[in-house]
Amino acid sequence: MSVNAIQLTEKVLYAASLVDYQAGSVVSREILKKGTGTVTVFAFDAGQGLSEHTAPFDAMVHVLDGEAEITIAGTARTVSAGELIIMPAGKPHALKAEKRFKMMLIMIRS
């Protein structure tokens, strides 16, 4: 467990407050890291994103604030605050912030 994660252990937290928006940037904060997976919170400013890539593990995105366009295997979907989507291992995916948004990414390694 990282030092950062230890500081968060056993506390009640509001996930969206763990990262702040920064103009023209993507900000991330890893809140849990284990051999079996990671939990990371991101803040994307409008116009930012992640280019198409694949991952060897399943990943779940939970949008905490705003909305994102998430494309999986060529199909784009709008995911809004409170909603989540699973990105299957090995399928190409990308994220785009039409407006700024925050998300929690849960990556499961197995």
N, C-alpha and C. Protein backbone atom coordinates (compact mmCIF):
# COMPACT_ATOMS: atom_id res chain seq x y z
N MET A 1 0.85 -1.17 0.00
CA MET A 1 0.00 0.00 0.00
C MET A 1 0.90 1.23 0.00
N SER A 2 0.57 2.21 -0.82
CA SER A 2 1.37 3.43 -0.90
C SER A 2 1.16 4.29 0.34
N VAL A 3 2.10 5.20 0.60
CA VAL A 3 1.97 6.12 1.73
C VAL A 3 0.67 6.90 1.63
N ASN A 4 0.35 7.35 0.42
CA ASN A 4 -0.88 8.10 0.18
C ASN A 4 -2.09 7.28 0.58
N ALA A 5 -2.12 6.00 0.20
CA ALA A 5 -3.25 5.14 0.51
C ALA A 5 -3.35 4.91 2.02
N ILE A 6 -2.22 4.77 2.71
CA ILE A 6 -2.23 4.57 4.15
C ILE A 6 -2.90 5.76 4.84
N GLN A 7 -2.65 6.98 4.36
CA GLN A 7 -3.24 8.17 4.96
C GLN A 7 -4.76 8.20 4.79
N LEU A 8 -5.29 7.48 3.82
CA LEU A 8 -6.73 7.48 3.56
C LEU A 8 -7.46 6.32 4.23
N THR A 9 -6.72 5.34 4.74
CA THR A 9 -7.31 4.14 5.31
C THR A 9 -8.19 4.46 6.51
N GLU A 10 -9.34 3.81 6.56
CA GLU A 10 -10.30 3.89 7.66
C GLU A 10 -10.92 5.28 7.84
N LYS A 11 -10.91 6.07 6.78
CA LYS A 11 -11.55 7.39 6.81
C LYS A 11 -12.75 7.37 5.88
N VAL A 12 -13.77 8.12 6.23
CA VAL A 12 -14.91 8.31 5.34
C VAL A 12 -14.53 9.45 4.40
N LEU A 13 -14.62 9.20 3.10
CA LEU A 13 -14.15 10.16 2.11
C LEU A 13 -15.23 10.44 1.07
N TYR A 14 -15.22 11.62 0.51
CA TYR A 14 -16.04 11.97 -0.63
C TYR A 14 -15.13 11.88 -1.84
N ALA A 15 -15.31 10.85 -2.65
CA ALA A 15 -14.36 10.51 -3.72
C ALA A 15 -14.05 11.68 -4.64
N ALA A 16 -15.05 12.46 -5.02
CA ALA A 16 -14.83 13.56 -5.96
C ALA A 16 -13.93 14.65 -5.38
N SER A 17 -13.80 14.71 -4.06
CA SER A 17 -12.97 15.75 -3.45
C SER A 17 -11.50 15.35 -3.36
N LEU A 18 -11.16 14.14 -3.77
CA LEU A 18 -9.78 13.66 -3.65
C LEU A 18 -8.86 14.22 -4.73
N VAL A 19 -9.42 14.78 -5.79
CA VAL A 19 -8.63 15.43 -6.84
C VAL A 19 -9.32 16.74 -7.23
N ASP A 20 -8.52 17.71 -7.62
CA ASP A 20 -9.05 19.00 -8.06
C ASP A 20 -8.81 19.16 -9.55
N TYR A 21 -9.69 19.88 -10.20
CA TYR A 21 -9.50 20.21 -11.61
C TYR A 21 -8.33 21.18 -11.75
N GLN A 22 -7.56 21.03 -12.83
CA GLN A 22 -6.52 21.98 -13.18
C GLN A 22 -6.68 22.31 -14.65
N ALA A 23 -6.61 23.58 -14.99
CA ALA A 23 -6.82 24.04 -16.36
C ALA A 23 -5.89 23.30 -17.32
N GLY A 24 -6.48 22.76 -18.39
CA GLY A 24 -5.72 22.11 -19.45
C GLY A 24 -5.02 20.83 -19.05
N SER A 25 -5.47 20.20 -17.97
CA SER A 25 -4.74 19.04 -17.45
C SER A 25 -5.65 17.87 -17.09
N VAL A 26 -4.99 16.73 -16.92
CA VAL A 26 -5.59 15.55 -16.31
C VAL A 26 -4.83 15.34 -15.00
N VAL A 27 -5.55 15.28 -13.90
CA VAL A 27 -4.95 15.09 -12.58
C VAL A 27 -5.38 13.72 -12.06
N SER A 28 -4.44 12.97 -11.49
CA SER A 28 -4.79 11.66 -10.94
C SER A 28 -4.24 11.51 -9.53
N ARG A 29 -4.91 10.66 -8.77
CA ARG A 29 -4.46 10.33 -7.42
C ARG A 29 -4.79 8.87 -7.16
N GLU A 30 -3.75 8.08 -6.97
CA GLU A 30 -3.94 6.67 -6.65
C GLU A 30 -4.34 6.58 -5.19
N ILE A 31 -5.48 5.93 -4.91
CA ILE A 31 -5.92 5.86 -3.52
C ILE A 31 -5.76 4.46 -2.93
N LEU A 32 -5.55 3.47 -3.78
CA LEU A 32 -5.30 2.12 -3.29
C LEU A 32 -4.51 1.36 -4.35
N LYS A 33 -3.48 0.67 -3.89
CA LYS A 33 -2.66 -0.13 -4.82
C LYS A 33 -2.33 -1.45 -4.15
N LYS A 34 -2.78 -2.52 -4.78
CA LYS A 34 -2.52 -3.87 -4.30
C LYS A 34 -2.06 -4.70 -5.48
N GLY A 35 -1.53 -5.88 -5.20
CA GLY A 35 -1.13 -6.77 -6.28
C GLY A 35 -2.29 -7.20 -7.15
N THR A 36 -3.50 -7.15 -6.60
CA THR A 36 -4.69 -7.58 -7.33
C THR A 36 -5.40 -6.45 -8.06
N GLY A 37 -4.95 -5.21 -7.86
CA GLY A 37 -5.58 -4.11 -8.57
C GLY A 37 -5.29 -2.76 -7.96
N THR A 38 -5.84 -1.73 -8.61
CA THR A 38 -5.65 -0.36 -8.15
C THR A 38 -6.96 0.40 -8.21
N VAL A 39 -7.04 1.45 -7.40
CA VAL A 39 -8.16 2.39 -7.44
C VAL A 39 -7.53 3.77 -7.57
N THR A 40 -7.91 4.49 -8.63
CA THR A 40 -7.34 5.80 -8.91
C THR A 40 -8.47 6.77 -9.23
N VAL A 41 -8.37 7.98 -8.70
CA VAL A 41 -9.36 9.02 -8.98
C VAL A 41 -8.70 10.03 -9.93
N PHE A 42 -9.46 10.44 -10.96
CA PHE A 42 -8.96 11.37 -11.99
C PHE A 42 -9.87 12.58 -12.08
N ALA A 43 -9.29 13.72 -12.45
CA ALA A 43 -10.04 14.93 -12.82
C ALA A 43 -9.55 15.35 -14.21
N PHE A 44 -10.45 15.42 -15.17
CA PHE A 44 -10.13 15.80 -16.55
C PHE A 44 -10.72 17.18 -16.82
N ASP A 45 -9.90 18.12 -17.26
CA ASP A 45 -10.42 19.41 -17.68
C ASP A 45 -11.08 19.23 -19.05
N ALA A 46 -11.99 20.12 -19.40
CA ALA A 46 -12.65 20.06 -20.71
C ALA A 46 -11.61 20.02 -21.82
N GLY A 47 -11.84 19.15 -22.79
CA GLY A 47 -10.94 19.02 -23.93
C GLY A 47 -9.82 18.01 -23.72
N GLN A 48 -9.67 17.51 -22.51
CA GLN A 48 -8.63 16.52 -22.22
C GLN A 48 -9.19 15.11 -22.42
N GLY A 49 -8.31 14.13 -22.42
CA GLY A 49 -8.76 12.76 -22.56
C GLY A 49 -7.61 11.78 -22.52
N LEU A 50 -7.92 10.55 -22.79
CA LEU A 50 -6.93 9.48 -22.93
C LEU A 50 -7.12 8.89 -24.31
N SER A 51 -6.05 8.82 -25.07
CA SER A 51 -6.15 8.28 -26.43
C SER A 51 -6.43 6.78 -26.38
N GLU A 52 -6.89 6.26 -27.51
CA GLU A 52 -7.26 4.85 -27.58
C GLU A 52 -6.08 3.96 -27.21
N HIS A 53 -6.36 2.99 -26.36
CA HIS A 53 -5.35 2.03 -25.93
C HIS A 53 -6.08 0.77 -25.46
N THR A 54 -5.33 -0.28 -25.19
CA THR A 54 -5.90 -1.49 -24.60
C THR A 54 -5.22 -1.73 -23.26
N ALA A 55 -5.88 -2.48 -22.41
CA ALA A 55 -5.32 -2.85 -21.11
C ALA A 55 -5.46 -4.37 -20.96
N PRO A 56 -4.52 -4.99 -20.28
CA PRO A 56 -4.58 -6.44 -20.13
C PRO A 56 -5.58 -6.91 -19.07
N PHE A 57 -6.22 -5.96 -18.38
CA PHE A 57 -7.14 -6.31 -17.30
C PHE A 57 -8.46 -5.55 -17.46
N ASP A 58 -9.53 -6.11 -16.89
CA ASP A 58 -10.80 -5.40 -16.85
C ASP A 58 -10.65 -4.14 -16.00
N ALA A 59 -11.38 -3.10 -16.37
CA ALA A 59 -11.37 -1.85 -15.60
C ALA A 59 -12.78 -1.30 -15.55
N MET A 60 -13.14 -0.74 -14.40
CA MET A 60 -14.44 -0.11 -14.24
C MET A 60 -14.24 1.38 -14.02
N VAL A 61 -14.97 2.18 -14.77
CA VAL A 61 -14.97 3.63 -14.60
C VAL A 61 -16.29 4.02 -13.94
N HIS A 62 -16.20 4.75 -12.83
CA HIS A 62 -17.37 5.31 -12.15
C HIS A 62 -17.23 6.83 -12.25
N VAL A 63 -18.12 7.47 -12.99
CA VAL A 63 -18.05 8.93 -13.15
C VAL A 63 -18.60 9.57 -11.87
N LEU A 64 -17.79 10.43 -11.28
CA LEU A 64 -18.12 11.07 -10.01
C LEU A 64 -18.71 12.46 -10.18
N ASP A 65 -18.33 13.15 -11.26
CA ASP A 65 -18.77 14.52 -11.50
C ASP A 65 -18.73 14.77 -13.00
N GLY A 66 -19.71 15.49 -13.52
CA GLY A 66 -19.72 15.82 -14.94
C GLY A 66 -20.09 14.62 -15.80
N GLU A 67 -19.57 14.61 -17.02
CA GLU A 67 -19.84 13.49 -17.93
C GLU A 67 -18.67 13.31 -18.87
N ALA A 68 -18.52 12.06 -19.33
CA ALA A 68 -17.42 11.71 -20.22
C ALA A 68 -17.96 10.96 -21.43
N GLU A 69 -17.23 11.08 -22.54
CA GLU A 69 -17.50 10.22 -23.68
C GLU A 69 -16.47 9.10 -23.61
N ILE A 70 -16.95 7.89 -23.45
CA ILE A 70 -16.08 6.72 -23.35
C ILE A 70 -16.36 5.82 -24.54
N THR A 71 -15.32 5.55 -25.30
CA THR A 71 -15.44 4.71 -26.49
C THR A 71 -14.78 3.37 -26.21
N ILE A 72 -15.53 2.30 -26.43
CA ILE A 72 -15.02 0.94 -26.25
C ILE A 72 -15.25 0.19 -27.55
N ALA A 73 -14.17 -0.31 -28.12
CA ALA A 73 -14.24 -1.09 -29.36
C ALA A 73 -15.04 -0.35 -30.44
N GLY A 74 -14.82 0.96 -30.55
CA GLY A 74 -15.44 1.76 -31.60
C GLY A 74 -16.82 2.30 -31.30
N THR A 75 -17.41 1.94 -30.16
CA THR A 75 -18.74 2.42 -29.80
C THR A 75 -18.62 3.47 -28.70
N ALA A 76 -19.06 4.70 -29.00
CA ALA A 76 -18.98 5.81 -28.04
C ALA A 76 -20.24 5.84 -27.18
N ARG A 77 -20.04 6.09 -25.90
CA ARG A 77 -21.15 6.21 -24.96
C ARG A 77 -20.89 7.42 -24.07
N THR A 78 -21.96 8.12 -23.69
CA THR A 78 -21.85 9.20 -22.72
C THR A 78 -22.16 8.62 -21.35
N VAL A 79 -21.24 8.83 -20.41
CA VAL A 79 -21.40 8.32 -19.05
C VAL A 79 -21.40 9.53 -18.13
N SER A 80 -22.46 9.66 -17.32
CA SER A 80 -22.65 10.84 -16.47
C SER A 80 -22.42 10.51 -15.00
N ALA A 81 -22.33 11.56 -14.19
CA ALA A 81 -22.11 11.41 -12.75
C ALA A 81 -23.08 10.39 -12.16
N GLY A 82 -22.53 9.47 -11.38
CA GLY A 82 -23.33 8.43 -10.76
C GLY A 82 -23.40 7.15 -11.57
N GLU A 83 -22.99 7.21 -12.84
CA GLU A 83 -23.03 6.03 -13.71
C GLU A 83 -21.65 5.40 -13.80
N LEU A 84 -21.64 4.12 -14.19
CA LEU A 84 -20.37 3.43 -14.37
C LEU A 84 -20.42 2.58 -15.62
N ILE A 85 -19.22 2.21 -16.09
CA ILE A 85 -19.10 1.36 -17.26
C ILE A 85 -17.87 0.49 -17.07
N ILE A 86 -17.95 -0.74 -17.54
CA ILE A 86 -16.82 -1.67 -17.47
C ILE A 86 -16.16 -1.75 -18.83
N MET A 87 -14.85 -1.59 -18.83
CA MET A 87 -14.05 -1.70 -20.05
C MET A 87 -13.35 -3.05 -20.01
N PRO A 88 -13.75 -3.98 -20.87
CA PRO A 88 -13.18 -5.33 -20.82
C PRO A 88 -11.71 -5.37 -21.23
N ALA A 89 -10.99 -6.28 -20.63
CA ALA A 89 -9.58 -6.49 -20.97
C ALA A 89 -9.44 -6.76 -22.46
N GLY A 90 -8.40 -6.19 -23.04
CA GLY A 90 -8.08 -6.45 -24.44
C GLY A 90 -8.87 -5.68 -25.47
N LYS A 91 -9.92 -4.95 -25.05
CA LYS A 91 -10.71 -4.16 -26.01
C LYS A 91 -10.19 -2.72 -26.02
N PRO A 92 -9.99 -2.15 -27.22
CA PRO A 92 -9.50 -0.77 -27.28
C PRO A 92 -10.54 0.19 -26.70
N HIS A 93 -10.05 1.17 -25.94
CA HIS A 93 -10.95 2.15 -25.34
C HIS A 93 -10.25 3.50 -25.24
N ALA A 94 -11.07 4.55 -25.16
CA ALA A 94 -10.58 5.92 -25.06
C ALA A 94 -11.57 6.73 -24.24
N LEU A 95 -11.10 7.83 -23.65
CA LEU A 95 -11.96 8.72 -22.87
C LEU A 95 -11.77 10.14 -23.37
N LYS A 96 -12.87 10.88 -23.37
CA LYS A 96 -12.82 12.27 -23.84
C LYS A 96 -13.71 13.13 -22.94
N ALA A 97 -13.18 14.28 -22.55
CA ALA A 97 -13.93 15.22 -21.71
C ALA A 97 -14.48 16.34 -22.58
N GLU A 98 -15.73 16.22 -22.99
CA GLU A 98 -16.38 17.34 -23.69
C GLU A 98 -16.53 18.50 -22.70
N LYS A 99 -16.89 18.16 -21.47
CA LYS A 99 -16.92 19.08 -20.33
C LYS A 99 -15.99 18.45 -19.29
N ARG A 100 -15.61 19.20 -18.31
CA ARG A 100 -14.73 18.59 -17.31
C ARG A 100 -15.50 17.52 -16.52
N PHE A 101 -14.76 16.51 -16.09
CA PHE A 101 -15.37 15.43 -15.31
C PHE A 101 -14.34 14.78 -14.40
N LYS A 102 -14.87 14.11 -13.38
CA LYS A 102 -14.04 13.31 -12.47
C LYS A 102 -14.53 11.87 -12.52
N MET A 103 -13.57 10.96 -12.35
CA MET A 103 -13.93 9.54 -12.38
C MET A 103 -13.05 8.76 -11.42
N MET A 104 -13.57 7.62 -11.00
CA MET A 104 -12.79 6.65 -10.25
C MET A 104 -12.56 5.47 -11.18
N LEU A 105 -11.31 5.06 -11.33
CA LEU A 105 -10.94 3.91 -12.16
C LEU A 105 -10.53 2.78 -11.23
N ILE A 106 -11.22 1.66 -11.36
CA ILE A 106 -10.90 0.47 -10.59
C ILE A 106 -10.40 -0.58 -11.57
N MET A 107 -9.13 -0.92 -11.43
CA MET A 107 -8.49 -1.90 -12.32
C MET A 107 -8.30 -3.19 -11.53
N ILE A 108 -8.81 -4.29 -12.07
CA ILE A 108 -8.70 -5.59 -11.43
C ILE A 108 -7.69 -6.42 -12.20
N ARG A 109 -6.65 -6.85 -11.51
CA ARG A 109 -5.61 -7.67 -12.14
C ARG A 109 -5.86 -9.13 -11.78
N SER A 110 -6.08 -9.95 -12.80
CA SER A 110 -6.22 -11.39 -12.54
C SER A 110 -6.03 -12.15 -13.83
